[in-house]
Amino acid sequence: MMRAPLLLRYHIMVVWHTIIEHPRGEDKSRARQSAHVRRSHMDSIPYVIIGGGLAGVAAADAIRRRDKTGQLMLICAEAHPPYDRVPLSKGYLLGETERDQIFLRPPRFYERNKVELVLGQAATALDVHARQVTLADGRQIGFEKLLLATGGRPRRLPLPGADLAGIHYLRNLEDSDAIRAALSSARRAVVIGGGFIGCEVATGLAQLGLATTVVELTPGVLSL
């Protein structure tokens, strides 16, 4: 009579809220090594947020409502404090909204809430096992909890000539500034993408008197 194989049994231990398991009798050196790695990050920053957009700032605000004292770092790839991207395709693009009106929070917000702003530094690497983020300048930031709030980016045109002068992408403040500067001598514009942002830009350009064409992959604009 054949007997079913015994189920593997595991020893479970929790090291800094990380579950490490290994079969009974297996060499426990890996568990000890993992425990050492976790303990070496006792001085890690409790909260690290990567991304200086609306989601990142809202997360920082929410964290401070629950934890008034835990160290909190907000890492922004851009050199500006977090700002609202919505006006970049509307009021700011048309010159109706001033630059200082688009910032999401005044400087005193970060000071009062003890939010450490790291500006002009993109996160270039993430080691989830070591709980460590590497920045563009080589700094390595240890963390206990990490939020990735980097948002999206427009797709680059996979076409010859896509990098020629006069072709713009809209993602950040500098992109909107470049488009504004080009409007003074432009008479025609082609907007690739018929989503919300594309239609907002096209509407604004048409209001400025440019002959504007929208190119959209789907059968209609604002397709969901």
N, C-alpha and C. Protein backbone atom coordinates (compact mmCIF):
# COMPACT_ATOMS: atom_id res chain seq x y z
N MET A 1 0.85 -1.20 0.00
CA MET A 1 0.00 0.00 0.00
C MET A 1 0.88 1.24 0.00
N MET A 2 0.64 2.11 -0.97
CA MET A 2 1.46 3.32 -1.08
C MET A 2 0.99 4.37 -0.08
N ARG A 3 1.95 5.03 0.52
CA ARG A 3 1.62 6.08 1.47
C ARG A 3 1.89 7.44 0.84
N ALA A 4 1.02 8.37 1.10
CA ALA A 4 1.22 9.72 0.56
C ALA A 4 2.43 10.35 1.23
N PRO A 5 3.21 11.11 0.48
CA PRO A 5 4.37 11.78 1.07
C PRO A 5 3.95 12.76 2.14
N LEU A 6 4.79 12.87 3.16
CA LEU A 6 4.49 13.81 4.23
C LEU A 6 4.58 15.23 3.72
N LEU A 7 3.69 16.07 4.22
CA LEU A 7 3.74 17.49 3.86
C LEU A 7 4.94 18.13 4.53
N LEU A 8 5.59 19.03 3.80
CA LEU A 8 6.69 19.77 4.40
C LEU A 8 6.17 20.66 5.51
N ARG A 9 6.91 20.69 6.63
CA ARG A 9 6.55 21.58 7.72
C ARG A 9 7.57 22.70 7.79
N TYR A 10 7.11 23.87 8.14
CA TYR A 10 7.97 25.04 8.12
C TYR A 10 8.03 25.68 9.49
N HIS A 11 9.24 26.16 9.80
CA HIS A 11 9.40 27.03 10.96
C HIS A 11 9.12 28.45 10.47
N ILE A 12 8.30 29.20 11.17
CA ILE A 12 7.96 30.56 10.78
C ILE A 12 8.45 31.50 11.87
N MET A 13 9.13 32.54 11.45
CA MET A 13 9.47 33.60 12.39
C MET A 13 9.29 34.93 11.68
N VAL A 14 8.94 35.94 12.46
CA VAL A 14 8.69 37.27 11.91
C VAL A 14 9.83 38.18 12.34
N VAL A 15 10.49 38.78 11.35
CA VAL A 15 11.59 39.69 11.62
C VAL A 15 11.22 41.04 11.04
N TRP A 16 10.90 41.99 11.89
CA TRP A 16 10.53 43.34 11.45
C TRP A 16 9.40 43.27 10.42
N HIS A 17 8.36 42.50 10.77
CA HIS A 17 7.15 42.38 9.95
C HIS A 17 7.41 41.71 8.61
N THR A 18 8.54 41.02 8.47
CA THR A 18 8.82 40.28 7.25
C THR A 18 8.85 38.79 7.59
N ILE A 19 8.03 37.99 6.92
CA ILE A 19 7.96 36.56 7.22
C ILE A 19 9.09 35.83 6.51
N ILE A 20 9.84 35.06 7.26
CA ILE A 20 10.92 34.25 6.70
C ILE A 20 10.62 32.81 7.07
N GLU A 21 10.66 31.92 6.09
CA GLU A 21 10.32 30.53 6.37
C GLU A 21 11.35 29.61 5.73
N HIS A 22 11.54 28.44 6.32
CA HIS A 22 12.44 27.45 5.74
C HIS A 22 12.00 26.08 6.23
N PRO A 23 12.18 25.02 5.40
CA PRO A 23 11.76 23.68 5.81
C PRO A 23 12.53 23.22 7.03
N ARG A 24 11.88 22.35 7.81
CA ARG A 24 12.53 21.79 9.01
C ARG A 24 13.81 21.07 8.61
N GLY A 25 14.87 21.35 9.33
CA GLY A 25 16.13 20.69 9.08
C GLY A 25 17.00 21.41 8.06
N GLU A 26 16.43 22.39 7.37
CA GLU A 26 17.24 23.10 6.37
C GLU A 26 18.19 24.04 7.09
N ASP A 27 19.30 24.32 6.44
CA ASP A 27 20.28 25.24 7.02
C ASP A 27 19.61 26.58 7.31
N LYS A 28 19.72 27.05 8.55
CA LYS A 28 19.03 28.27 8.94
C LYS A 28 19.86 29.52 8.70
N SER A 29 20.98 29.38 8.01
CA SER A 29 21.84 30.55 7.80
C SER A 29 21.14 31.63 7.00
N ARG A 30 20.28 31.22 6.05
CA ARG A 30 19.58 32.23 5.25
C ARG A 30 18.64 33.06 6.12
N ALA A 31 17.98 32.39 7.06
CA ALA A 31 17.09 33.13 7.95
C ALA A 31 17.87 34.10 8.82
N ARG A 32 19.03 33.63 9.34
CA ARG A 32 19.84 34.51 10.17
C ARG A 32 20.35 35.69 9.36
N GLN A 33 20.73 35.42 8.11
CA GLN A 33 21.22 36.49 7.25
C GLN A 33 20.12 37.51 6.98
N SER A 34 18.90 37.03 6.71
CA SER A 34 17.79 37.94 6.45
C SER A 34 17.48 38.77 7.68
N ALA A 35 17.54 38.13 8.86
CA ALA A 35 17.28 38.86 10.08
C ALA A 35 18.31 39.96 10.27
N HIS A 36 19.57 39.65 9.95
CA HIS A 36 20.62 40.66 10.07
C HIS A 36 20.37 41.83 9.14
N VAL A 37 19.93 41.52 7.92
CA VAL A 37 19.63 42.60 6.97
C VAL A 37 18.54 43.49 7.52
N ARG A 38 17.47 42.91 8.09
CA ARG A 38 16.38 43.72 8.61
C ARG A 38 16.84 44.57 9.79
N ARG A 39 17.64 43.97 10.67
CA ARG A 39 18.08 44.73 11.84
C ARG A 39 19.02 45.86 11.44
N SER A 40 19.76 45.69 10.35
CA SER A 40 20.69 46.73 9.92
C SER A 40 19.96 47.97 9.45
N HIS A 41 18.63 47.87 9.26
CA HIS A 41 17.86 49.01 8.79
C HIS A 41 17.01 49.61 9.90
N MET A 42 17.47 49.43 11.16
CA MET A 42 16.72 50.01 12.26
C MET A 42 16.68 51.52 12.17
N ASP A 43 17.66 52.15 11.50
CA ASP A 43 17.70 53.60 11.36
C ASP A 43 17.09 54.05 10.04
N SER A 44 16.40 53.18 9.34
CA SER A 44 15.78 53.55 8.07
C SER A 44 14.66 54.56 8.31
N ILE A 45 14.35 55.30 7.25
CA ILE A 45 13.28 56.28 7.32
C ILE A 45 11.94 55.55 7.33
N PRO A 46 11.07 55.87 8.25
CA PRO A 46 9.79 55.14 8.32
C PRO A 46 8.95 55.25 7.06
N TYR A 47 8.91 56.45 6.45
CA TYR A 47 8.06 56.65 5.28
C TYR A 47 8.86 57.35 4.18
N VAL A 48 8.91 56.70 3.02
CA VAL A 48 9.55 57.30 1.85
C VAL A 48 8.54 57.27 0.70
N ILE A 49 8.35 58.42 0.07
CA ILE A 49 7.45 58.54 -1.07
C ILE A 49 8.27 58.98 -2.27
N ILE A 50 8.17 58.23 -3.37
CA ILE A 50 8.85 58.60 -4.61
C ILE A 50 7.80 59.15 -5.57
N GLY A 51 7.93 60.42 -5.91
CA GLY A 51 6.99 61.05 -6.81
C GLY A 51 6.41 62.32 -6.20
N GLY A 52 6.65 63.45 -6.87
CA GLY A 52 6.22 64.74 -6.33
C GLY A 52 4.96 65.27 -6.97
N GLY A 53 4.05 64.41 -7.35
CA GLY A 53 2.79 64.85 -7.92
C GLY A 53 1.69 64.93 -6.87
N LEU A 54 0.46 65.02 -7.35
CA LEU A 54 -0.68 65.14 -6.45
C LEU A 54 -0.80 63.92 -5.53
N ALA A 55 -0.57 62.72 -6.07
CA ALA A 55 -0.69 61.51 -5.25
C ALA A 55 0.35 61.50 -4.14
N GLY A 56 1.58 61.89 -4.45
CA GLY A 56 2.63 61.91 -3.44
C GLY A 56 2.34 62.87 -2.31
N VAL A 57 1.88 64.07 -2.67
CA VAL A 57 1.57 65.08 -1.64
C VAL A 57 0.36 64.65 -0.81
N ALA A 58 -0.66 64.11 -1.48
CA ALA A 58 -1.84 63.64 -0.75
C ALA A 58 -1.47 62.52 0.22
N ALA A 59 -0.55 61.64 -0.20
CA ALA A 59 -0.10 60.57 0.68
C ALA A 59 0.65 61.12 1.89
N ALA A 60 1.52 62.10 1.65
CA ALA A 60 2.26 62.72 2.75
C ALA A 60 1.29 63.37 3.74
N ASP A 61 0.29 64.03 3.22
CA ASP A 61 -0.72 64.66 4.07
C ASP A 61 -1.47 63.60 4.90
N ALA A 62 -1.85 62.50 4.25
CA ALA A 62 -2.58 61.44 4.95
C ALA A 62 -1.72 60.78 6.02
N ILE A 63 -0.43 60.58 5.71
CA ILE A 63 0.47 59.98 6.70
C ILE A 63 0.58 60.86 7.93
N ARG A 64 0.71 62.16 7.70
CA ARG A 64 0.84 63.07 8.83
C ARG A 64 -0.43 63.14 9.68
N ARG A 65 -1.56 62.87 9.10
CA ARG A 65 -2.79 62.84 9.89
C ARG A 65 -2.79 61.66 10.88
N ARG A 66 -2.11 60.58 10.50
CA ARG A 66 -2.09 59.38 11.34
C ARG A 66 -0.83 59.30 12.20
N ASP A 67 0.26 59.84 11.69
CA ASP A 67 1.53 59.77 12.41
C ASP A 67 2.16 61.16 12.37
N LYS A 68 2.14 61.83 13.50
CA LYS A 68 2.60 63.22 13.56
C LYS A 68 4.11 63.35 13.64
N THR A 69 4.80 62.29 14.01
CA THR A 69 6.22 62.42 14.32
C THR A 69 7.15 61.57 13.46
N GLY A 70 6.64 60.52 12.80
CA GLY A 70 7.52 59.63 12.03
C GLY A 70 8.22 60.36 10.90
N GLN A 71 9.50 60.10 10.73
CA GLN A 71 10.26 60.76 9.66
C GLN A 71 9.65 60.43 8.31
N LEU A 72 9.51 61.46 7.48
CA LEU A 72 8.83 61.32 6.19
C LEU A 72 9.63 62.03 5.12
N MET A 73 9.97 61.32 4.06
CA MET A 73 10.75 61.89 2.95
C MET A 73 9.96 61.79 1.66
N LEU A 74 9.92 62.91 0.92
CA LEU A 74 9.25 62.97 -0.37
C LEU A 74 10.29 63.26 -1.44
N ILE A 75 10.53 62.29 -2.33
CA ILE A 75 11.58 62.39 -3.34
C ILE A 75 10.97 62.80 -4.67
N CYS A 76 11.47 63.91 -5.23
CA CYS A 76 10.95 64.46 -6.49
C CYS A 76 12.07 64.51 -7.52
N ALA A 77 11.81 63.98 -8.70
CA ALA A 77 12.82 64.02 -9.76
C ALA A 77 13.01 65.44 -10.28
N GLU A 78 11.97 66.24 -10.23
CA GLU A 78 12.06 67.61 -10.72
C GLU A 78 12.61 68.54 -9.65
N ALA A 79 13.14 69.67 -10.10
CA ALA A 79 13.75 70.62 -9.17
C ALA A 79 12.72 71.50 -8.47
N HIS A 80 11.45 71.39 -8.86
CA HIS A 80 10.40 72.22 -8.28
C HIS A 80 9.70 71.47 -7.15
N PRO A 81 9.18 72.22 -6.18
CA PRO A 81 8.28 71.58 -5.21
C PRO A 81 7.06 71.02 -5.93
N PRO A 82 6.37 70.07 -5.35
CA PRO A 82 5.22 69.45 -6.02
C PRO A 82 4.21 70.48 -6.51
N TYR A 83 3.73 70.27 -7.74
CA TYR A 83 2.78 71.21 -8.34
C TYR A 83 1.67 70.44 -9.04
N ASP A 84 0.60 71.18 -9.34
CA ASP A 84 -0.56 70.61 -10.00
C ASP A 84 -0.30 70.56 -11.51
N ARG A 85 -0.40 69.39 -12.10
CA ARG A 85 -0.13 69.26 -13.53
C ARG A 85 -1.33 69.63 -14.41
N VAL A 86 -2.51 69.71 -13.82
CA VAL A 86 -3.70 69.99 -14.62
C VAL A 86 -3.59 71.32 -15.38
N PRO A 87 -3.13 72.41 -14.77
CA PRO A 87 -3.04 73.67 -15.52
C PRO A 87 -2.02 73.66 -16.66
N LEU A 88 -1.13 72.67 -16.67
CA LEU A 88 -0.11 72.64 -17.72
C LEU A 88 -0.73 72.53 -19.10
N SER A 89 -1.90 71.93 -19.21
CA SER A 89 -2.57 71.79 -20.50
C SER A 89 -3.71 72.79 -20.67
N LYS A 90 -3.89 73.65 -19.68
CA LYS A 90 -5.00 74.61 -19.74
C LYS A 90 -4.52 76.01 -19.37
N GLY A 91 -4.86 76.46 -18.17
CA GLY A 91 -4.59 77.85 -17.80
C GLY A 91 -3.14 78.26 -17.88
N TYR A 92 -2.24 77.42 -17.39
CA TYR A 92 -0.82 77.79 -17.44
C TYR A 92 -0.31 77.82 -18.87
N LEU A 93 -0.73 76.86 -19.67
CA LEU A 93 -0.30 76.81 -21.06
C LEU A 93 -0.74 78.06 -21.81
N LEU A 94 -1.92 78.58 -21.49
CA LEU A 94 -2.46 79.74 -22.19
C LEU A 94 -2.01 81.06 -21.57
N GLY A 95 -1.23 80.99 -20.50
CA GLY A 95 -0.76 82.22 -19.87
C GLY A 95 -1.76 82.84 -18.92
N GLU A 96 -2.81 82.12 -18.58
CA GLU A 96 -3.85 82.65 -17.69
C GLU A 96 -3.56 82.36 -16.22
N THR A 97 -2.71 81.40 -15.96
CA THR A 97 -2.36 81.00 -14.60
C THR A 97 -0.87 81.23 -14.39
N GLU A 98 -0.53 81.91 -13.30
CA GLU A 98 0.87 82.19 -12.99
C GLU A 98 1.54 80.96 -12.40
N ARG A 99 2.85 80.93 -12.52
CA ARG A 99 3.61 79.77 -12.04
C ARG A 99 3.39 79.53 -10.55
N ASP A 100 3.40 80.60 -9.76
CA ASP A 100 3.29 80.40 -8.32
C ASP A 100 1.90 79.93 -7.89
N GLN A 101 0.95 79.89 -8.83
CA GLN A 101 -0.40 79.44 -8.50
C GLN A 101 -0.58 77.94 -8.67
N ILE A 102 0.37 77.27 -9.27
CA ILE A 102 0.18 75.85 -9.57
C ILE A 102 0.78 74.93 -8.51
N PHE A 103 1.53 75.49 -7.56
CA PHE A 103 2.15 74.63 -6.55
C PHE A 103 1.08 74.10 -5.59
N LEU A 104 1.18 72.83 -5.26
CA LEU A 104 0.14 72.16 -4.49
C LEU A 104 0.09 72.61 -3.04
N ARG A 105 1.23 72.92 -2.46
CA ARG A 105 1.28 73.36 -1.08
C ARG A 105 2.31 74.48 -0.96
N PRO A 106 2.09 75.41 -0.04
CA PRO A 106 3.10 76.44 0.22
C PRO A 106 4.30 75.83 0.94
N PRO A 107 5.45 76.49 0.88
CA PRO A 107 6.64 75.93 1.55
C PRO A 107 6.42 75.63 3.03
N ARG A 108 5.61 76.43 3.71
CA ARG A 108 5.40 76.21 5.14
C ARG A 108 4.70 74.88 5.43
N PHE A 109 3.97 74.34 4.45
CA PHE A 109 3.32 73.05 4.66
C PHE A 109 4.35 71.97 4.96
N TYR A 110 5.43 71.95 4.18
CA TYR A 110 6.46 70.92 4.36
C TYR A 110 7.24 71.15 5.65
N GLU A 111 7.45 72.43 5.98
CA GLU A 111 8.16 72.73 7.22
C GLU A 111 7.31 72.38 8.43
N ARG A 112 6.05 72.78 8.40
CA ARG A 112 5.16 72.56 9.55
C ARG A 112 4.92 71.07 9.79
N ASN A 113 4.83 70.30 8.70
CA ASN A 113 4.54 68.88 8.82
C ASN A 113 5.79 68.01 8.80
N LYS A 114 6.95 68.66 8.83
CA LYS A 114 8.23 67.93 8.88
C LYS A 114 8.33 66.90 7.75
N VAL A 115 8.02 67.37 6.54
CA VAL A 115 8.19 66.55 5.34
C VAL A 115 9.51 66.95 4.69
N GLU A 116 10.44 66.02 4.63
CA GLU A 116 11.74 66.30 4.02
C GLU A 116 11.62 66.18 2.50
N LEU A 117 11.77 67.33 1.83
CA LEU A 117 11.69 67.35 0.37
C LEU A 117 13.07 67.11 -0.22
N VAL A 118 13.18 66.16 -1.12
CA VAL A 118 14.40 65.92 -1.88
C VAL A 118 14.07 66.26 -3.32
N LEU A 119 14.60 67.38 -3.82
CA LEU A 119 14.25 67.88 -5.14
C LEU A 119 15.37 67.63 -6.14
N GLY A 120 14.99 67.42 -7.39
CA GLY A 120 15.96 67.26 -8.46
C GLY A 120 16.72 65.95 -8.41
N GLN A 121 16.15 64.93 -7.78
CA GLN A 121 16.82 63.64 -7.66
C GLN A 121 15.86 62.52 -8.06
N ALA A 122 16.13 61.90 -9.19
CA ALA A 122 15.33 60.75 -9.60
C ALA A 122 15.80 59.51 -8.85
N ALA A 123 14.88 58.63 -8.56
CA ALA A 123 15.23 57.32 -8.00
C ALA A 123 15.67 56.42 -9.14
N THR A 124 16.88 55.91 -9.07
CA THR A 124 17.45 55.13 -10.17
C THR A 124 17.46 53.63 -9.92
N ALA A 125 17.30 53.22 -8.67
CA ALA A 125 17.32 51.79 -8.36
C ALA A 125 16.54 51.54 -7.08
N LEU A 126 15.96 50.35 -7.00
CA LEU A 126 15.20 49.96 -5.82
C LEU A 126 15.55 48.52 -5.47
N ASP A 127 16.00 48.32 -4.25
CA ASP A 127 16.28 46.99 -3.72
C ASP A 127 15.23 46.68 -2.67
N VAL A 128 14.24 45.89 -3.05
CA VAL A 128 13.13 45.63 -2.13
C VAL A 128 13.55 44.74 -0.97
N HIS A 129 14.54 43.87 -1.19
CA HIS A 129 14.98 42.97 -0.12
C HIS A 129 15.78 43.73 0.94
N ALA A 130 16.63 44.63 0.49
CA ALA A 130 17.40 45.45 1.43
C ALA A 130 16.64 46.67 1.89
N ARG A 131 15.45 46.90 1.30
CA ARG A 131 14.63 48.08 1.60
C ARG A 131 15.46 49.35 1.43
N GLN A 132 15.91 49.55 0.21
CA GLN A 132 16.82 50.66 -0.07
C GLN A 132 16.55 51.23 -1.45
N VAL A 133 16.53 52.56 -1.52
CA VAL A 133 16.36 53.29 -2.77
C VAL A 133 17.65 54.02 -3.08
N THR A 134 18.08 53.95 -4.34
CA THR A 134 19.28 54.68 -4.78
C THR A 134 18.84 55.87 -5.61
N LEU A 135 19.41 57.04 -5.32
CA LEU A 135 19.08 58.25 -6.04
C LEU A 135 20.11 58.53 -7.12
N ALA A 136 19.79 59.49 -7.99
CA ALA A 136 20.65 59.80 -9.13
C ALA A 136 22.04 60.25 -8.69
N ASP A 137 22.14 60.89 -7.52
CA ASP A 137 23.45 61.35 -7.05
C ASP A 137 24.21 60.27 -6.29
N GLY A 138 23.68 59.06 -6.26
CA GLY A 138 24.36 57.95 -5.61
C GLY A 138 23.95 57.69 -4.18
N ARG A 139 23.19 58.59 -3.59
CA ARG A 139 22.74 58.37 -2.22
C ARG A 139 21.84 57.14 -2.13
N GLN A 140 21.95 56.43 -1.02
CA GLN A 140 21.12 55.27 -0.77
C GLN A 140 20.27 55.54 0.46
N ILE A 141 18.96 55.45 0.28
CA ILE A 141 18.01 55.77 1.33
C ILE A 141 17.33 54.49 1.80
N GLY A 142 17.51 54.16 3.06
CA GLY A 142 16.80 53.02 3.63
C GLY A 142 15.39 53.42 4.02
N PHE A 143 14.47 52.49 3.90
CA PHE A 143 13.07 52.81 4.22
C PHE A 143 12.42 51.64 4.95
N GLU A 144 11.38 51.96 5.69
CA GLU A 144 10.53 50.94 6.29
C GLU A 144 9.28 50.73 5.44
N LYS A 145 8.69 51.84 4.98
CA LYS A 145 7.54 51.78 4.09
C LYS A 145 7.80 52.69 2.90
N LEU A 146 7.45 52.20 1.71
CA LEU A 146 7.74 52.94 0.48
C LEU A 146 6.48 53.03 -0.37
N LEU A 147 6.23 54.23 -0.90
CA LEU A 147 5.13 54.44 -1.84
C LEU A 147 5.70 54.94 -3.16
N LEU A 148 5.37 54.24 -4.24
CA LEU A 148 5.75 54.68 -5.58
C LEU A 148 4.57 55.44 -6.17
N ALA A 149 4.77 56.74 -6.40
CA ALA A 149 3.72 57.60 -6.94
C ALA A 149 4.29 58.44 -8.07
N THR A 150 4.90 57.77 -9.03
CA THR A 150 5.63 58.46 -10.09
C THR A 150 4.76 58.90 -11.25
N GLY A 151 3.52 58.41 -11.32
CA GLY A 151 2.64 58.83 -12.42
C GLY A 151 3.03 58.20 -13.74
N GLY A 152 2.50 58.75 -14.82
CA GLY A 152 2.76 58.21 -16.16
C GLY A 152 3.55 59.18 -17.02
N ARG A 153 3.95 58.71 -18.17
CA ARG A 153 4.71 59.53 -19.12
C ARG A 153 4.12 59.33 -20.51
N PRO A 154 4.15 60.37 -21.34
CA PRO A 154 3.67 60.19 -22.71
C PRO A 154 4.60 59.28 -23.50
N ARG A 155 4.03 58.46 -24.34
CA ARG A 155 4.84 57.57 -25.17
C ARG A 155 5.57 58.37 -26.24
N ARG A 156 6.81 58.06 -26.43
CA ARG A 156 7.60 58.72 -27.48
C ARG A 156 7.21 58.16 -28.84
N LEU A 157 7.20 59.01 -29.83
CA LEU A 157 6.86 58.56 -31.18
C LEU A 157 7.96 57.65 -31.71
N PRO A 158 7.64 56.41 -32.08
CA PRO A 158 8.66 55.50 -32.62
C PRO A 158 8.84 55.71 -34.12
N LEU A 159 9.14 56.95 -34.48
CA LEU A 159 9.22 57.32 -35.90
C LEU A 159 10.49 58.10 -36.17
N PRO A 160 11.04 57.99 -37.38
CA PRO A 160 12.17 58.84 -37.74
C PRO A 160 11.77 60.31 -37.67
N GLY A 161 12.63 61.13 -37.12
CA GLY A 161 12.34 62.55 -37.02
C GLY A 161 11.55 62.94 -35.79
N ALA A 162 11.29 61.98 -34.90
CA ALA A 162 10.49 62.29 -33.72
C ALA A 162 11.20 63.21 -32.75
N ASP A 163 12.50 63.43 -32.95
CA ASP A 163 13.25 64.30 -32.06
C ASP A 163 13.58 65.64 -32.71
N LEU A 164 12.94 65.96 -33.83
CA LEU A 164 13.21 67.22 -34.51
C LEU A 164 12.65 68.40 -33.72
N ALA A 165 13.18 69.58 -34.02
CA ALA A 165 12.68 70.79 -33.38
C ALA A 165 11.21 70.99 -33.74
N GLY A 166 10.47 71.52 -32.81
CA GLY A 166 9.06 71.76 -33.06
C GLY A 166 8.16 70.63 -32.60
N ILE A 167 8.74 69.50 -32.16
CA ILE A 167 7.96 68.39 -31.63
C ILE A 167 8.08 68.41 -30.11
N HIS A 168 6.96 68.49 -29.45
CA HIS A 168 6.94 68.64 -28.00
C HIS A 168 6.13 67.53 -27.34
N TYR A 169 6.53 67.20 -26.14
CA TYR A 169 5.76 66.28 -25.29
C TYR A 169 5.32 67.07 -24.06
N LEU A 170 4.17 66.73 -23.53
CA LEU A 170 3.66 67.45 -22.37
C LEU A 170 3.56 66.51 -21.17
N ARG A 171 4.44 66.75 -20.24
CA ARG A 171 4.43 65.97 -19.00
C ARG A 171 4.69 66.86 -17.79
N ASN A 172 5.67 67.78 -17.91
CA ASN A 172 6.06 68.56 -16.76
C ASN A 172 6.06 70.05 -17.05
N LEU A 173 6.49 70.81 -16.07
CA LEU A 173 6.47 72.27 -16.16
C LEU A 173 7.34 72.78 -17.29
N GLU A 174 8.51 72.18 -17.46
CA GLU A 174 9.41 72.60 -18.53
C GLU A 174 8.80 72.33 -19.91
N ASP A 175 8.09 71.22 -20.04
CA ASP A 175 7.42 70.92 -21.31
C ASP A 175 6.40 71.99 -21.65
N SER A 176 5.60 72.38 -20.67
CA SER A 176 4.59 73.42 -20.90
C SER A 176 5.24 74.75 -21.23
N ASP A 177 6.35 75.07 -20.56
CA ASP A 177 7.08 76.30 -20.87
C ASP A 177 7.58 76.30 -22.31
N ALA A 178 8.09 75.15 -22.76
CA ALA A 178 8.61 75.05 -24.13
C ALA A 178 7.50 75.24 -25.15
N ILE A 179 6.33 74.68 -24.88
CA ILE A 179 5.21 74.84 -25.80
C ILE A 179 4.75 76.30 -25.82
N ARG A 180 4.69 76.93 -24.67
CA ARG A 180 4.31 78.34 -24.60
C ARG A 180 5.26 79.20 -25.41
N ALA A 181 6.55 78.91 -25.29
CA ALA A 181 7.53 79.70 -26.04
C ALA A 181 7.38 79.52 -27.54
N ALA A 182 6.98 78.31 -27.97
CA ALA A 182 6.84 78.04 -29.40
C ALA A 182 5.57 78.65 -29.99
N LEU A 183 4.60 78.98 -29.15
CA LEU A 183 3.32 79.49 -29.65
C LEU A 183 3.43 80.86 -30.30
N SER A 184 4.44 81.63 -29.90
CA SER A 184 4.54 82.99 -30.42
C SER A 184 4.76 83.03 -31.92
N SER A 185 5.37 82.00 -32.48
CA SER A 185 5.65 81.99 -33.92
C SER A 185 4.89 80.89 -34.66
N ALA A 186 4.02 80.19 -33.97
CA ALA A 186 3.32 79.06 -34.60
C ALA A 186 1.99 79.50 -35.19
N ARG A 187 1.63 78.87 -36.31
CA ARG A 187 0.33 79.13 -36.94
C ARG A 187 -0.52 77.87 -37.03
N ARG A 188 0.13 76.71 -37.07
CA ARG A 188 -0.58 75.44 -37.14
C ARG A 188 -0.05 74.51 -36.05
N ALA A 189 -0.91 73.63 -35.59
CA ALA A 189 -0.50 72.67 -34.57
C ALA A 189 -1.19 71.34 -34.82
N VAL A 190 -0.46 70.27 -34.56
CA VAL A 190 -1.01 68.92 -34.61
C VAL A 190 -0.84 68.32 -33.23
N VAL A 191 -1.93 67.85 -32.67
CA VAL A 191 -1.91 67.22 -31.35
C VAL A 191 -2.14 65.72 -31.55
N ILE A 192 -1.18 64.92 -31.12
CA ILE A 192 -1.31 63.46 -31.23
C ILE A 192 -1.82 62.93 -29.91
N GLY A 193 -3.03 62.40 -29.96
CA GLY A 193 -3.68 61.90 -28.75
C GLY A 193 -4.97 62.64 -28.50
N GLY A 194 -6.07 61.92 -28.55
CA GLY A 194 -7.38 62.53 -28.36
C GLY A 194 -7.99 62.24 -27.02
N GLY A 195 -7.16 62.07 -26.01
CA GLY A 195 -7.67 61.90 -24.65
C GLY A 195 -7.96 63.25 -24.02
N PHE A 196 -8.13 63.24 -22.69
CA PHE A 196 -8.47 64.48 -22.01
C PHE A 196 -7.39 65.54 -22.21
N ILE A 197 -6.14 65.17 -21.99
CA ILE A 197 -5.07 66.16 -22.10
C ILE A 197 -4.93 66.65 -23.53
N GLY A 198 -4.96 65.74 -24.49
CA GLY A 198 -4.84 66.15 -25.89
C GLY A 198 -5.95 67.10 -26.30
N CYS A 199 -7.18 66.80 -25.88
CA CYS A 199 -8.31 67.67 -26.24
C CYS A 199 -8.22 69.02 -25.53
N GLU A 200 -7.75 69.02 -24.30
CA GLU A 200 -7.57 70.30 -23.60
C GLU A 200 -6.54 71.16 -24.30
N VAL A 201 -5.42 70.56 -24.68
CA VAL A 201 -4.39 71.31 -25.39
C VAL A 201 -4.92 71.82 -26.72
N ALA A 202 -5.60 70.95 -27.47
CA ALA A 202 -6.13 71.35 -28.77
C ALA A 202 -7.12 72.49 -28.64
N THR A 203 -7.97 72.44 -27.64
CA THR A 203 -8.94 73.52 -27.42
C THR A 203 -8.23 74.84 -27.13
N GLY A 204 -7.22 74.78 -26.27
CA GLY A 204 -6.48 75.99 -25.95
C GLY A 204 -5.75 76.57 -27.15
N LEU A 205 -5.13 75.72 -27.95
CA LEU A 205 -4.42 76.20 -29.13
C LEU A 205 -5.38 76.82 -30.13
N ALA A 206 -6.54 76.22 -30.28
CA ALA A 206 -7.54 76.79 -31.19
C ALA A 206 -8.02 78.14 -30.69
N GLN A 207 -8.16 78.30 -29.38
CA GLN A 207 -8.56 79.58 -28.82
C GLN A 207 -7.52 80.66 -29.08
N LEU A 208 -6.28 80.26 -29.19
CA LEU A 208 -5.20 81.21 -29.49
C LEU A 208 -5.10 81.51 -30.97
N GLY A 209 -5.93 80.89 -31.78
CA GLY A 209 -5.96 81.18 -33.21
C GLY A 209 -5.16 80.25 -34.08
N LEU A 210 -4.62 79.18 -33.52
CA LEU A 210 -3.86 78.23 -34.33
C LEU A 210 -4.80 77.27 -35.04
N ALA A 211 -4.51 76.96 -36.27
CA ALA A 211 -5.23 75.90 -36.99
C ALA A 211 -4.78 74.58 -36.38
N THR A 212 -5.68 73.88 -35.71
CA THR A 212 -5.30 72.74 -34.88
C THR A 212 -5.95 71.46 -35.37
N THR A 213 -5.15 70.41 -35.49
CA THR A 213 -5.62 69.09 -35.90
C THR A 213 -5.31 68.10 -34.79
N VAL A 214 -6.27 67.25 -34.47
CA VAL A 214 -6.08 66.19 -33.48
C VAL A 214 -5.99 64.85 -34.19
N VAL A 215 -4.94 64.10 -33.92
CA VAL A 215 -4.75 62.77 -34.48
C VAL A 215 -4.97 61.76 -33.36
N GLU A 216 -5.92 60.84 -33.56
CA GLU A 216 -6.27 59.87 -32.52
C GLU A 216 -6.34 58.48 -33.12
N LEU A 217 -5.78 57.50 -32.41
CA LEU A 217 -5.73 56.12 -32.88
C LEU A 217 -7.11 55.48 -32.94
N THR A 218 -7.95 55.76 -31.95
CA THR A 218 -9.27 55.13 -31.87
C THR A 218 -10.26 55.87 -32.77
N PRO A 219 -11.46 55.29 -32.98
CA PRO A 219 -12.44 55.92 -33.87
C PRO A 219 -12.93 57.29 -33.40
N GLY A 220 -12.81 57.60 -32.13
CA GLY A 220 -13.27 58.90 -31.65
C GLY A 220 -12.40 59.43 -30.55
N VAL A 221 -12.55 60.72 -30.26
CA VAL A 221 -11.77 61.33 -29.18
C VAL A 221 -12.42 61.01 -27.84
N LEU A 222 -11.65 61.19 -26.78
CA LEU A 222 -12.12 60.93 -25.42
C LEU A 222 -12.66 59.52 -25.25
N SER A 223 -12.02 58.56 -25.92
CA SER A 223 -12.45 57.17 -25.80
C SER A 223 -12.02 56.63 -24.45
N LEU A 224 -12.91 55.91 -23.81
CA LEU A 224 -12.61 55.35 -22.49
C LEU A 224 -12.58 53.84 -22.57
